[in-house]
Protein backbone atom coordinates (compact mmCIF):
# COMPACT_ATOMS: atom_id res chain seq x y z
CA MET A 1 49.23 -26.25 21.20
CA THR A 2 47.88 -25.28 17.56
CA SER A 3 48.79 -27.97 14.88
CA VAL A 4 50.97 -26.57 11.70
CA LYS A 5 47.74 -26.70 9.86
CA GLU A 6 46.08 -24.47 11.89
CA GLN A 7 48.66 -21.94 12.03
CA GLU A 8 48.66 -21.81 8.42
CA ALA A 9 44.96 -21.18 8.50
CA ILE A 10 45.41 -17.78 11.29
CA ARG A 11 48.37 -16.90 8.87
CA LYS A 12 46.10 -16.64 5.74
CA LEU A 13 43.95 -14.95 7.79
CA MET A 14 45.58 -12.15 9.04
CA VAL A 15 47.03 -11.34 5.32
CA PHE A 16 43.36 -11.14 4.33
CA LEU A 17 42.69 -8.54 6.80
CA GLN A 18 45.82 -6.63 6.41
CA GLU A 19 45.02 -6.83 2.57
CA TRP A 20 41.75 -5.24 3.49
CA ASP A 21 42.88 -2.74 5.77
CA SER A 22 45.47 -1.58 3.37
CA ALA A 23 42.97 -1.86 0.04
CA HIS A 24 41.70 1.38 -1.08
CA LYS A 25 38.06 1.75 -2.55
CA VAL A 26 39.15 -0.42 -6.35
CA ALA A 27 40.81 -3.00 -4.51
CA ARG A 28 38.11 -3.96 -1.63
CA SER A 29 35.39 -3.59 -4.56
CA ARG A 30 37.13 -7.07 -5.92
CA ILE A 31 37.42 -8.49 -2.45
CA LEU A 32 33.63 -8.10 -1.63
CA ASP A 33 33.16 -9.69 -5.18
CA SER A 34 35.06 -12.62 -4.50
CA PHE A 35 33.77 -13.26 -1.27
CA ILE A 36 29.85 -12.83 -2.17
CA LYS A 37 30.64 -15.26 -5.16
CA SER A 38 32.22 -17.79 -2.87
CA ASN A 39 30.30 -17.45 0.52
CA ASP A 40 26.28 -16.74 -0.74
CA GLY A 41 24.21 -19.19 1.07
CA LYS A 42 27.27 -20.38 3.62
CA THR A 43 25.95 -21.34 7.15
CA GLU A 44 27.68 -19.96 10.42
CA PRO A 45 30.08 -23.02 11.01
CA GLU A 46 31.35 -22.95 6.95
CA LEU A 47 32.06 -19.08 7.40
CA GLU A 48 34.05 -19.80 10.22
CA LEU A 49 35.94 -22.66 8.68
CA GLU A 50 36.90 -19.93 5.65
CA PHE A 51 37.88 -17.62 8.13
CA SER A 52 39.41 -19.70 10.68
CA GLN A 53 37.37 -19.13 13.68
CA GLY A 54 37.65 -15.28 12.59
CA ALA A 55 34.54 -14.47 10.22
CA SER A 56 33.75 -12.10 12.60
CA LEU A 57 37.13 -9.78 12.44
CA PHE A 58 35.88 -9.53 8.93
CA LEU A 59 32.17 -8.36 9.67
CA ALA A 60 33.55 -5.87 11.76
CA ARG A 61 35.67 -4.40 8.83
CA LEU A 62 32.44 -4.49 6.63
CA THR A 63 30.34 -2.72 9.63
CA THR A 64 32.91 -0.07 9.95
CA TRP A 65 33.39 0.63 6.43
CA LEU A 66 29.71 0.79 6.14
CA ARG A 67 29.10 3.28 8.99
CA MET A 68 32.12 5.45 7.32
CA THR A 69 30.69 5.30 3.74
CA TYR A 70 27.04 4.94 3.44
CA MET A 71 25.95 8.33 2.63
CA TYR A 72 28.47 8.41 -0.16
CA SER A 73 27.27 5.37 -1.80
CA THR A 74 31.02 3.41 -1.76
CA CYS A 75 30.52 0.09 -2.80
CA LEU A 76 27.29 0.00 -0.77
CA ASN A 77 25.28 -2.39 -2.52
CA GLN A 78 28.33 -4.86 -2.07
CA LEU A 79 28.65 -4.23 1.42
CA LEU A 80 25.26 -4.69 2.06
CA LYS A 81 24.95 -8.26 0.12
CA SER A 82 28.20 -8.91 1.79
CA ILE A 83 27.07 -8.24 5.28
CA GLY A 84 23.73 -9.82 4.48
CA ILE A 85 25.89 -13.34 3.58
CA PHE A 86 26.56 -12.97 7.53
CA LEU A 87 22.77 -12.34 8.80
CA SER A 88 21.56 -14.98 6.75
CA ALA A 89 23.89 -17.81 8.07
CA ALA A 90 21.86 -20.43 9.68
CA SER A 91 22.97 -20.63 13.27
CA GLY A 92 24.74 -17.55 12.55
CA ARG A 93 22.77 -15.47 15.51
CA ARG A 94 25.77 -13.76 16.90
CA TYR A 95 26.56 -11.90 13.62
CA LEU A 96 22.91 -10.54 13.58
CA ILE A 97 23.81 -9.44 17.51
CA GLU A 98 27.26 -7.69 16.30
CA PHE A 99 26.04 -6.22 13.64
CA LEU A 100 22.92 -4.73 15.69
CA GLU A 101 25.61 -3.45 17.97
CA ILE A 102 27.15 -0.85 15.51
CA GLY A 103 23.64 0.74 15.14
CA GLY A 104 23.03 -1.25 12.16
CA VAL A 105 19.36 -1.24 12.17
CA LEU A 106 19.75 2.88 11.98
CA ILE A 107 21.87 2.79 9.39
CA LEU A 108 20.23 0.87 6.95
CA LEU A 109 16.52 2.72 8.21
CA GLU A 110 18.72 5.83 7.48
CA ILE A 111 19.54 4.55 4.03
CA LEU A 112 16.26 4.65 2.57
CA GLY A 113 15.88 7.95 3.26
CA LEU A 114 19.20 9.14 1.64
CA ASN A 115 17.14 10.25 -2.27
CA HIS A 116 20.62 10.56 -3.79
CA LEU A 117 21.24 6.56 -3.13
CA LYS A 118 20.30 4.19 -5.67
CA GLU A 119 16.93 1.98 -5.65
CA GLU A 120 19.03 -1.33 -5.58
CA ASP A 121 21.08 -0.11 -2.69
CA LYS A 122 17.71 0.92 -0.87
CA ARG A 123 16.72 -2.44 -1.83
CA GLU A 124 19.48 -4.32 -0.04
CA SER A 125 18.86 -2.18 3.15
CA VAL A 126 15.21 -3.71 2.81
CA LYS A 127 16.25 -7.08 2.27
CA LEU A 128 18.88 -6.74 5.59
CA LEU A 129 15.81 -5.54 7.56
CA GLN A 130 13.78 -8.50 6.64
CA LEU A 131 16.17 -11.07 8.09
CA ILE A 132 16.91 -8.80 11.24
CA ALA A 133 12.51 -8.72 11.32
CA ASP A 134 12.70 -12.61 10.68
CA ALA A 135 14.97 -13.30 13.86
CA GLY A 136 11.85 -12.98 16.09
CA ARG A 137 9.64 -10.32 17.62
CA LYS A 138 12.12 -8.37 19.63
CA TYR A 139 14.18 -7.66 16.60
CA LYS A 140 10.90 -6.42 14.94
CA GLU A 141 10.33 -4.18 17.96
CA LEU A 142 13.79 -3.17 17.72
CA ILE A 143 13.04 -1.92 14.06
CA CYS A 144 9.49 -0.18 15.25
CA GLU A 145 11.48 1.56 18.11
CA SER A 146 13.85 2.74 15.64
CA TYR A 147 11.01 5.16 13.86
CA GLY A 148 11.09 2.31 11.09
CA VAL A 149 7.45 2.03 10.38
CA ARG A 150 7.70 5.64 9.32
CA SER A 151 10.79 5.25 6.86
CA LEU A 152 9.74 2.10 5.41
CA ALA A 153 6.25 4.16 4.76
CA GLU A 154 7.95 6.90 3.11
CA PHE A 155 10.11 4.50 1.32
CA LEU A 156 7.00 2.51 0.24
CA ALA A 157 5.30 5.76 -1.31
CA THR A 158 8.22 7.43 -2.79
CA SER A 159 9.83 4.71 -4.73
CA ASN A 160 10.21 4.26 -8.38
CA SER A 161 11.26 0.37 -8.14
CA ALA A 162 8.53 -2.01 -8.16
CA GLU A 163 10.63 -4.96 -6.84
CA ALA A 164 11.72 -2.09 -4.14
CA GLN A 165 8.11 -1.44 -3.09
CA ALA A 166 7.30 -5.20 -3.06
CA ASP A 167 10.13 -6.08 -0.80
CA VAL A 168 8.99 -3.54 1.70
CA GLN A 169 5.34 -5.03 1.74
CA VAL A 170 6.93 -8.15 2.76
CA LEU A 171 8.29 -6.40 5.74
CA MET A 172 5.77 -4.36 7.01
CA ASP A 173 3.23 -7.82 6.74
CA SER A 174 5.68 -8.97 8.94
CA LEU A 175 6.23 -6.07 11.16
CA GLY A 176 2.53 -6.21 11.81
CA ARG A 177 2.47 -10.30 12.77
CA GLY A 178 3.51 -11.52 15.70
CA ASN A 179 4.58 -8.03 16.97
CA PRO A 180 1.28 -6.88 19.07
CA LYS A 181 3.14 -3.88 20.47
CA TYR A 182 3.43 -2.19 17.44
CA GLN A 183 1.02 -3.81 14.75
CA ASN A 184 -1.35 -0.59 15.82
CA GLN A 185 1.18 1.43 13.97
CA VAL A 186 2.65 -0.02 11.32
CA TYR A 187 -1.13 -0.30 10.12
CA LYS A 188 -1.66 3.64 10.34
CA GLY A 189 1.57 3.79 8.62
CA LEU A 190 -0.10 1.95 6.16
CA VAL A 191 -2.67 4.11 6.36
CA ALA A 192 -0.51 6.79 5.41
CA VAL A 193 0.55 5.59 2.45
CA LEU A 194 -2.91 5.80 0.77
CA PRO A 195 -2.72 9.38 -0.67
CA CYS A 196 0.50 9.29 -2.43
CA ALA A 197 0.92 9.38 -6.01
CA SER A 198 2.04 5.54 -6.53
CA PRO A 199 -0.45 3.62 -7.64
CA GLN A 200 1.81 0.63 -6.88
CA ALA A 201 1.91 1.67 -3.46
CA GLN A 202 -1.60 1.96 -2.74
CA GLN A 203 -2.12 -1.21 -4.14
CA LEU A 204 0.37 -2.65 -1.93
CA ALA A 205 -0.57 -0.99 1.15
CA LEU A 206 -4.26 -1.84 0.93
CA GLN A 207 -3.47 -5.73 0.15
CA THR A 208 -1.53 -5.72 3.68
CA LEU A 209 -3.42 -3.16 5.69
CA ARG A 210 -6.64 -6.19 4.41
CA ALA A 211 -4.35 -9.36 5.56
CA MET A 212 -3.72 -7.23 9.07
CA GLN A 213 -7.06 -6.73 9.58
CA ASP A 214 -8.40 -9.65 11.39
CA THR A 215 -5.35 -9.28 13.55
CA VAL A 216 -5.81 -5.33 14.45
CA GLY A 217 -9.73 -5.85 15.14
CA GLU A 218 -11.28 -2.32 15.27
CA ALA A 219 -10.16 0.05 12.35
CA PRO A 220 -9.16 3.18 13.55
CA SER A 221 -11.61 5.86 11.83
CA VAL A 222 -8.28 7.38 10.58
CA LEU A 223 -8.85 5.14 7.67
CA VAL A 224 -11.99 6.39 6.53
CA GLU A 225 -10.99 9.80 4.25
CA PRO A 226 -8.00 8.28 3.09
CA LEU A 227 -9.36 4.96 1.88
CA LEU A 228 -12.28 6.73 0.47
CA GLY A 229 -9.81 8.86 -1.31
CA VAL A 230 -8.22 5.91 -2.88
CA LEU A 231 -11.58 5.87 -5.07
CA ARG A 232 -10.14 8.76 -7.05
CA SER A 233 -7.35 6.46 -8.71
CA VAL A 234 -8.00 5.43 -12.41
CA ARG A 235 -6.06 2.07 -11.92
CA LEU A 236 -8.56 -0.53 -11.81
CA GLU A 237 -6.21 -2.83 -9.84
CA VAL A 238 -6.01 -0.18 -6.89
CA GLN A 239 -9.61 0.10 -6.68
CA TYR A 240 -10.31 -3.31 -6.63
CA GLU A 241 -7.98 -3.90 -3.56
CA ALA A 242 -9.88 -0.89 -2.03
CA ILE A 243 -13.16 -2.33 -2.69
CA GLN A 244 -11.86 -5.80 -0.83
CA LEU A 245 -10.97 -3.55 1.95
CA LEU A 246 -14.06 -1.98 2.06
CA LYS A 247 -15.88 -5.30 2.22
CA ALA A 248 -13.67 -6.85 4.99
CA LEU A 249 -14.43 -3.12 6.91
CA MET A 250 -17.86 -4.05 6.94
CA ALA A 251 -17.97 -6.14 9.80
CA GLN A 252 -15.89 -3.19 11.62
CA GLU A 253 -17.08 -0.29 13.84
CA VAL A 254 -16.19 2.03 11.24
CA ARG A 255 -18.92 0.79 8.83
CA PRO A 256 -21.06 4.30 9.60
CA ALA A 257 -18.61 6.22 8.56
CA LEU A 258 -17.68 4.51 5.60
CA LEU A 259 -21.22 4.25 4.04
CA LYS A 260 -21.40 8.18 4.77
CA GLY A 261 -18.81 8.92 3.28
CA LEU A 262 -19.25 6.59 -0.08
CA VAL A 263 -22.92 8.14 -0.16
CA ALA A 264 -21.90 11.67 0.05
CA LEU A 265 -19.27 11.03 -2.98
CA LEU A 266 -22.29 10.41 -5.16
CA THR A 267 -22.96 14.22 -5.07
CA PRO A 268 -19.91 15.96 -5.81
CA PRO A 269 -20.14 19.54 -5.50
CA LYS A 270 -21.43 21.78 -8.52
CA LYS A 271 -19.39 21.06 -11.83
CA LYS A 272 -15.93 23.50 -11.75
CA ALA A 273 -14.12 24.79 -14.44
CA PHE A 274 -11.63 22.22 -15.62
CA THR A 275 -7.89 22.77 -14.43
CA PHE A 276 -4.86 21.99 -15.60
CA CYS A 277 -1.43 21.48 -14.25
CA ASP A 278 1.93 22.58 -15.81
CA GLU A 279 2.82 19.35 -17.96
CA THR A 280 -0.59 20.25 -19.54
CA ALA A 281 0.31 23.92 -20.58
CA LYS A 282 3.85 22.95 -21.87
CA ASP A 283 2.22 20.15 -23.97
CA PRO A 284 -1.75 20.06 -24.84
CA THR A 285 -1.81 16.64 -25.44
CA THR A 286 -0.62 15.81 -21.88
CA LEU A 287 -3.78 15.64 -19.74
CA CYS A 288 -3.22 15.91 -16.07
CA LEU A 289 -6.24 14.98 -14.30
CA ARG A 290 -7.40 17.33 -11.83
CA GLU A 291 -10.89 18.32 -10.54
CA PRO A 292 -13.69 17.76 -11.56
CA VAL A 293 -12.78 14.81 -13.51
CA LEU A 294 -11.13 13.08 -10.03
CA VAL A 295 -14.39 13.93 -8.63
CA TYR A 296 -15.78 11.79 -11.22
CA ILE A 297 -14.06 8.95 -11.28
CA GLN A 298 -14.36 8.79 -7.46
CA GLN A 299 -18.05 9.12 -7.87
CA ALA A 300 -18.17 6.23 -10.30
CA ALA A 301 -15.94 4.10 -8.13
CA ALA A 302 -18.47 5.18 -4.83
CA ALA A 303 -21.31 3.85 -7.15
CA LYS A 304 -20.21 0.52 -7.86
CA VAL A 305 -19.00 0.27 -4.49
CA ILE A 306 -22.35 0.43 -2.83
CA GLY A 307 -23.86 -2.09 -5.46
CA VAL A 308 -21.22 -4.75 -4.15
CA LEU A 309 -21.53 -4.09 -0.78
CA ALA A 310 -25.78 -3.76 -0.88
CA LYS A 311 -25.55 -7.28 -3.27
CA GLU A 312 -23.12 -9.10 -0.27
CA SER A 313 -25.74 -7.56 2.87
CA ALA A 314 -29.25 -6.90 3.29
CA GLU A 315 -28.41 -4.78 6.70
CA VAL A 316 -25.98 -2.59 4.73
CA ALA A 317 -28.67 -1.70 2.14
CA GLU A 318 -30.99 -0.77 4.23
CA GLU A 319 -28.61 1.48 6.26
CA LEU A 320 -27.44 2.80 2.64
CA ILE A 321 -31.21 3.55 1.82
CA GLN A 322 -31.30 5.35 5.32
CA LEU A 323 -28.60 7.44 3.90
CA LYS A 324 -30.47 8.48 0.99
CA VAL A 325 -28.24 6.21 -1.55
CA VAL A 326 -31.01 6.16 -4.04
CA HIS A 327 -31.21 9.88 -4.18
CA GLY A 328 -27.38 9.75 -4.58
CA LEU A 329 -27.51 7.50 -7.38
CA MET A 330 -29.69 8.88 -9.58
CA VAL A 331 -27.73 12.14 -8.83
CA ALA A 332 -24.55 9.93 -10.14
CA VAL A 333 -26.73 8.57 -13.40
CA GLY A 334 -27.69 12.39 -14.29
CA ASN A 335 -23.96 12.97 -14.63
CA LEU A 336 -23.74 13.50 -18.19
CA ASP A 337 -20.36 14.11 -18.12
CA HIS A 338 -19.17 11.28 -17.57
CA VAL A 339 -20.05 7.91 -18.37
CA ALA A 340 -18.76 5.65 -15.95
CA SER A 341 -20.81 7.12 -13.03
CA GLN A 342 -24.12 7.17 -15.10
CA ARG A 343 -23.53 3.07 -15.81
CA HIS A 344 -22.61 2.04 -12.13
CA ALA A 345 -25.08 4.05 -10.39
CA SER A 346 -27.30 2.76 -12.81
CA VAL A 347 -26.12 -0.50 -12.22
CA SER A 348 -26.56 -0.11 -8.38
CA LEU A 349 -29.61 1.58 -8.52
CA GLU A 350 -31.20 -1.54 -10.53
CA TYR A 351 -30.43 -3.69 -7.43
CA PHE A 352 -32.18 -1.33 -5.23
CA VAL A 353 -35.27 -1.03 -7.24
CA ARG A 354 -35.25 -5.16 -7.64
CA THR A 355 -35.01 -5.35 -3.94
CA PHE A 356 -37.14 -3.25 -2.15
CA PRO A 357 -40.25 -2.16 -3.40
CA PHE A 358 -40.89 1.28 -2.07
CA VAL A 359 -37.90 2.32 -3.93
CA GLU A 360 -39.21 1.08 -7.21
CA GLU A 361 -42.45 3.19 -6.54
CA CYS A 362 -40.23 6.61 -5.48
CA VAL A 363 -38.04 5.68 -8.65
CA LYS A 364 -40.71 5.09 -10.92
CA LYS A 365 -42.38 8.12 -9.76
CA ALA A 366 -39.59 10.39 -10.44
CA LEU A 367 -38.59 8.76 -13.82
CA GLY A 368 -41.73 8.74 -15.70
CA HIS A 369 -43.60 5.24 -16.58
CA THR A 370 -41.46 5.62 -19.91
CA LEU A 371 -37.96 6.24 -18.95
CA PHE A 372 -38.41 4.08 -15.82
CA GLN A 373 -39.38 0.81 -18.63
CA ARG A 374 -35.98 2.02 -20.38
CA PHE A 375 -34.24 1.38 -17.25
CA MET A 376 -35.79 -1.72 -16.09
CA ASP A 377 -35.32 -3.12 -19.93
CA SER A 378 -31.64 -1.98 -19.78
CA PRO A 379 -29.94 -0.11 -16.59
CA GLU A 380 -26.56 -0.85 -18.43
CA ALA A 381 -27.55 1.22 -21.60
CA TRP A 382 -30.64 3.24 -20.73
CA TYR A 383 -28.89 6.48 -19.81
CA THR A 384 -27.22 7.15 -23.44
CA LYS A 385 -30.75 8.24 -24.65
CA MET A 386 -31.06 10.43 -21.79
CA ASP A 387 -31.40 13.93 -22.78
CA PRO A 388 -30.01 17.33 -20.91
CA ASP A 389 -33.33 18.12 -19.49
CA GLN A 390 -33.74 13.88 -18.37
CA ALA A 391 -30.03 13.97 -17.01
CA GLU A 392 -31.03 17.80 -14.70
CA GLU A 393 -34.31 16.30 -13.49
CA LEU A 394 -32.95 12.92 -12.65
CA ALA A 395 -29.48 15.28 -10.80
CA SER A 396 -32.07 17.89 -9.26
CA ASN A 397 -34.18 15.11 -7.75
CA ILE A 398 -34.95 15.60 -4.02
CA MET A 399 -36.19 11.69 -3.41
CA ASP A 400 -36.29 11.17 0.76
CA ILE A 401 -37.49 7.50 1.87
CA PRO A 402 -38.64 7.70 5.28
CA ARG A 403 -36.11 6.25 7.75
CA ASP A 404 -37.59 2.83 8.79
CA MET A 405 -39.24 2.19 5.14
CA ALA A 406 -36.42 -0.08 3.81
CA ARG A 407 -36.56 -2.55 6.44
CA MET A 408 -40.62 -2.56 6.30
CA GLN A 409 -40.30 -3.09 2.68
CA SER A 410 -37.38 -5.45 1.82
């Protein structure tokens, strides 16, 4: 027999549920606000005490209303936060299972792809997915099996909210760990983000790829082109992350392809006429970068990366010489249209000249005594005094160092 106190608690619960069932949008919004304020951070036993052992009855109503209204953004933020109270409750695994049984993961992922919904609502959706992933490996697998990686990667690439993008990064990193069945899928999902237009997304994707590298092992060859493409970014923080990832990949089988690609970037196609996008036509003060500007940015970045990688490993430096990096660096030094290319290429070229006697001999012969001496005295500035004829001579040099000479002379 139930006590009078228990009967009164059950009566209050029934009144509360009836109030919810009969309420319209505004009234339900007030109920949700009150619930969030009063119950945030509560454990499963505390929630059950609050609802007279009937908390699941309210959760069922929340999830039902979510399924019916999420496409219309009806109190969506409050709904997701309320459900989050249940999913985050200590010892509340049964709430998680109840949410998953109604297709909760699919709803959360679909929310991410609805363009008309607010970024803050999508961020709450990501937070709930994180709570699900934190529950263990089988729940991470469930998210991945529901095409979660693709949805999250697309949201990361297109979101306008830095906070939401940061939350997605944490979730992607979580899905990539302790989830061997789908870790390669997560890795490739992050690679797919690299060509996007968002520097923030590129930076976060690069950071996560680097963090995953030890877990994944060998990097797929599909990474090469997007990673080298990121070097076109005008954002230094993006280029920094790309360099860190490239350094980590030097111990992988993908190294030869990356080095070959970097050297190729030093000699871009012949200069084309500048092209501008529509925004430039409407407002001449707004320059929209296209070819060849982006190619030159990429050339400068490649010259910088080559110097970094060569200084870290003599073996890598030798491979670069065999790939005719000296010729490429001299081409970049001769690019009078882009000072950054000249500067980075000159600094990297100095390292090869000072490290490999045969390279020094070849470069000295190509530059002539006077210009070579200027180069050695001030590699960071000598190119500023270069005339067009000298630049053209550098850009058209055909230096070819024998394949095995680098190893013999190092």
